[in-house]
C-alpha atoms as a PDB file:
ATOM      1  CA  UNK A   1     145.665  93.065  89.357  1.00  0.00           C
ATOM      2  CA  UNK A   2     149.302  94.147  89.144  1.00  0.00           C
ATOM      3  CA  UNK A   3     150.940  96.188  91.857  1.00  0.00           C
ATOM      4  CA  UNK A   4     151.693  99.724  90.731  1.00  0.00           C
ATOM      5  CA  UNK A   5     154.933 100.082  92.677  1.00  0.00           C
ATOM      6  CA  UNK A   6     155.889 102.430  95.480  1.00  0.00           C
ATOM      7  CA  UNK A   7     153.964 105.635  95.900  1.00  0.00           C
ATOM      8  CA  UNK A   8     155.503 109.054  95.410  1.00  0.00           C
ATOM      9  CA  UNK A   9     155.534 109.707  99.151  1.00  0.00           C
ATOM     10  CA  UNK A  10     157.254 106.408  99.965  1.00  0.00           C
ATOM     11  CA  UNK A  11     159.939 107.170  97.369  1.00  0.00           C
ATOM     12  CA  UNK A  12     160.433 110.560  99.029  1.00  0.00           C
ATOM     13  CA  UNK A  13     160.834 108.987 102.485  1.00  0.00           C
ATOM     14  CA  UNK A  14     163.392 106.499 101.085  1.00  0.00           C
ATOM     15  CA  UNK A  15     165.473 109.378  99.761  1.00  0.00           C
ATOM     16  CA  UNK A  16     165.212 111.437 102.942  1.00  0.00           C
ATOM     17  CA  UNK A  17     165.773 109.438 106.164  1.00  0.00           C
ATOM     18  CA  UNK A  18     165.402 112.600 108.246  1.00  0.00           C
ATOM     19  CA  UNK A  19     161.910 113.168 106.824  1.00  0.00           C
ATOM     20  CA  UNK A  20     161.017 109.520 107.340  1.00  0.00           C
ATOM     21  CA  UNK A  21     162.082 109.655 110.994  1.00  0.00           C
ATOM     22  CA  UNK A  22     160.032 112.798 111.542  1.00  0.00           C
ATOM     23  CA  UNK A  23     156.962 111.166 109.972  1.00  0.00           C
ATOM     24  CA  UNK A  24     157.378 107.991 112.045  1.00  0.00           C
ATOM     25  CA  UNK A  25     157.556 110.074 115.235  1.00  0.00           C
ATOM     26  CA  UNK A  26     154.445 112.014 114.233  1.00  0.00           C
ATOM     27  CA  UNK A  27     152.555 108.816 113.327  1.00  0.00           C
ATOM     28  CA  UNK A  28     153.540 107.195 116.616  1.00  0.00           C
ATOM     29  CA  UNK A  29     152.188 110.135 118.608  1.00  0.00           C
ATOM     30  CA  UNK A  30     149.029 110.299 116.504  1.00  0.00           C
ATOM     31  CA  UNK A  31     148.282 106.606 116.980  1.00  0.00           C
ATOM     32  CA  UNK A  32     148.967 106.853 120.682  1.00  0.00           C
ATOM     33  CA  UNK A  33     146.638 109.825 121.022  1.00  0.00           C
ATOM     34  CA  UNK A  34     143.769 108.859 118.728  1.00  0.00           C
ATOM     35  CA  UNK A  35     143.721 105.372 117.323  1.00  0.00           C
ATOM     36  CA  UNK A  36     144.959 102.415 119.244  1.00  0.00           C
ATOM     37  CA  UNK A  37     145.271 103.335 122.879  1.00  0.00           C
ATOM     38  CA  UNK A  38     143.707 100.667 125.060  1.00  0.00           C
ATOM     39  CA  UNK A  39     143.774 102.987 128.053  1.00  0.00           C
ATOM     40  CA  UNK A  40     140.300 103.897 129.312  1.00  0.00           C
ATOM     41  CA  UNK A  41     141.154 107.592 129.160  1.00  0.00           C
ATOM     42  CA  UNK A  42     142.453 107.856 125.582  1.00  0.00           C
ATOM     43  CA  UNK A  43     141.610 111.105 123.794  1.00  0.00           C
ATOM     44  CA  UNK A  44     139.342 109.379 121.282  1.00  0.00           C
ATOM     45  CA  UNK A  45     137.359 107.549 123.969  1.00  0.00           C
ATOM     46  CA  UNK A  46     136.955 110.711 126.051  1.00  0.00           C
ATOM     47  CA  UNK A  47     135.684 112.632 123.034  1.00  0.00           C
ATOM     48  CA  UNK A  48     133.265 109.890 121.989  1.00  0.00           C
ATOM     49  CA  UNK A  49     131.920 109.453 125.517  1.00  0.00           C
ATOM     50  CA  UNK A  50     131.370 113.183 125.885  1.00  0.00           C
ATOM     51  CA  UNK A  51     129.486 113.410 122.576  1.00  0.00           C
ATOM     52  CA  UNK A  52     127.462 110.273 123.324  1.00  0.00           C
ATOM     53  CA  UNK A  53     126.452 111.662 126.720  1.00  0.00           C
ATOM     54  CA  UNK A  54     125.388 114.956 125.144  1.00  0.00           C
ATOM     55  CA  UNK A  55     123.292 113.186 122.531  1.00  0.00           C
ATOM     56  CA  UNK A  56     121.719 110.877 125.128  1.00  0.00           C
ATOM     57  CA  UNK A  57     120.854 113.840 127.377  1.00  0.00           C
ATOM     58  CA  UNK A  58     119.159 115.565 124.439  1.00  0.00           C
ATOM     59  CA  UNK A  59     117.136 112.416 123.663  1.00  0.00           C
ATOM     60  CA  UNK A  60     116.066 112.161 127.319  1.00  0.00           C
ATOM     61  CA  UNK A  61     115.060 115.830 127.341  1.00  0.00           C
ATOM     62  CA  UNK A  62     112.851 115.242 124.286  1.00  0.00           C
ATOM     63  CA  UNK A  63     111.358 112.048 125.728  1.00  0.00           C
ATOM     64  CA  UNK A  64     112.650 109.724 123.003  1.00  0.00           C
ATOM     65  CA  UNK A  65     115.556 108.064 124.822  1.00  0.00           C
ATOM     66  CA  UNK A  66     115.621 104.290 124.420  1.00  0.00           C
ATOM     67  CA  UNK A  67     112.444 104.230 122.351  1.00  0.00           C
ATOM     68  CA  UNK A  68     113.745 104.105 118.803  1.00  0.00           C
ATOM     69  CA  UNK A  69     112.298 107.162 117.139  1.00  0.00           C
ATOM     70  CA  UNK A  70     114.226 109.835 115.231  1.00  0.00           C
ATOM     71  CA  UNK A  71     117.976 110.365 115.288  1.00  0.00           C
ATOM     72  CA  UNK A  72     119.537 113.380 116.906  1.00  0.00           C
ATOM     73  CA  UNK A  73     121.334 115.140 114.079  1.00  0.00           C
ATOM     74  CA  UNK A  74     123.816 118.038 114.076  1.00  0.00           C
ATOM     75  CA  UNK A  75     123.070 121.194 112.124  1.00  0.00           C
ATOM     76  CA  UNK A  76     125.698 123.538 110.685  1.00  0.00           C
ATOM     77  CA  UNK A  77     125.491 125.598 113.888  1.00  0.00           C
ATOM     78  CA  UNK A  78     126.240 122.436 115.906  1.00  0.00           C
ATOM     79  CA  UNK A  79     122.745 122.253 117.389  1.00  0.00           C
ATOM     80  CA  UNK A  80     121.023 118.906 117.845  1.00  0.00           C
ATOM     81  CA  UNK A  81     117.708 118.407 116.068  1.00  0.00           C
ATOM     82  CA  UNK A  82     115.458 115.376 115.724  1.00  0.00           C
ATOM     83  CA  UNK A  83     115.629 113.984 112.202  1.00  0.00           C
ATOM     84  CA  UNK A  84     114.358 110.948 110.336  1.00  0.00           C
ATOM     85  CA  UNK A  85     116.914 108.098 110.557  1.00  0.00           C
ATOM     86  CA  UNK A  86     116.912 107.448 106.835  1.00  0.00           C
ATOM     87  CA  UNK A  87     117.635 111.070 105.951  1.00  0.00           C
ATOM     88  CA  UNK A  88     120.256 111.507 108.658  1.00  0.00           C
ATOM     89  CA  UNK A  89     122.198 108.336 107.878  1.00  0.00           C
ATOM     90  CA  UNK A  90     121.790 108.650 104.133  1.00  0.00           C
ATOM     91  CA  UNK A  91     123.112 112.189 103.894  1.00  0.00           C
ATOM     92  CA  UNK A  92     126.553 111.820 102.466  1.00  0.00           C
ATOM     93  CA  UNK A  93     127.592 114.652 100.208  1.00  0.00           C
ATOM     94  CA  UNK A  94     130.352 115.167  97.724  1.00  0.00           C
ATOM     95  CA  UNK A  95     133.568 113.298  98.589  1.00  0.00           C
ATOM     96  CA  UNK A  96     131.908 111.752 101.637  1.00  0.00           C
ATOM     97  CA  UNK A  97     131.538 115.120 103.333  1.00  0.00           C
ATOM     98  CA  UNK A  98     128.387 115.835 105.269  1.00  0.00           C
ATOM     99  CA  UNK A  99     125.835 118.157 103.744  1.00  0.00           C
ATOM    100  CA  UNK A 100     124.560 119.475 107.052  1.00  0.00           C
ATOM    101  CA  UNK A 101     121.335 121.382 107.162  1.00  0.00           C
END
């Protein structure tokens, strides 16, 4: 397969060094905050731990923690409900967006 050449955005950043510098600074901050931080207190890890703890607490409350059973699924009102694993993990709507209940 042949390479299509540089994208429109990369051509734009080549023409405008000021824009490119601004984007690099933004990307650097974004990666530091969300993606690659190895620090134990990175924003992504804190958010995931908080959500995992909430989900685990809900499973314990319902008596299904550590026993397999249904998934805890979010509704449109951000409530947790027990739902069949197949349905919960298979729900993947248009453009990969969730089709929450």
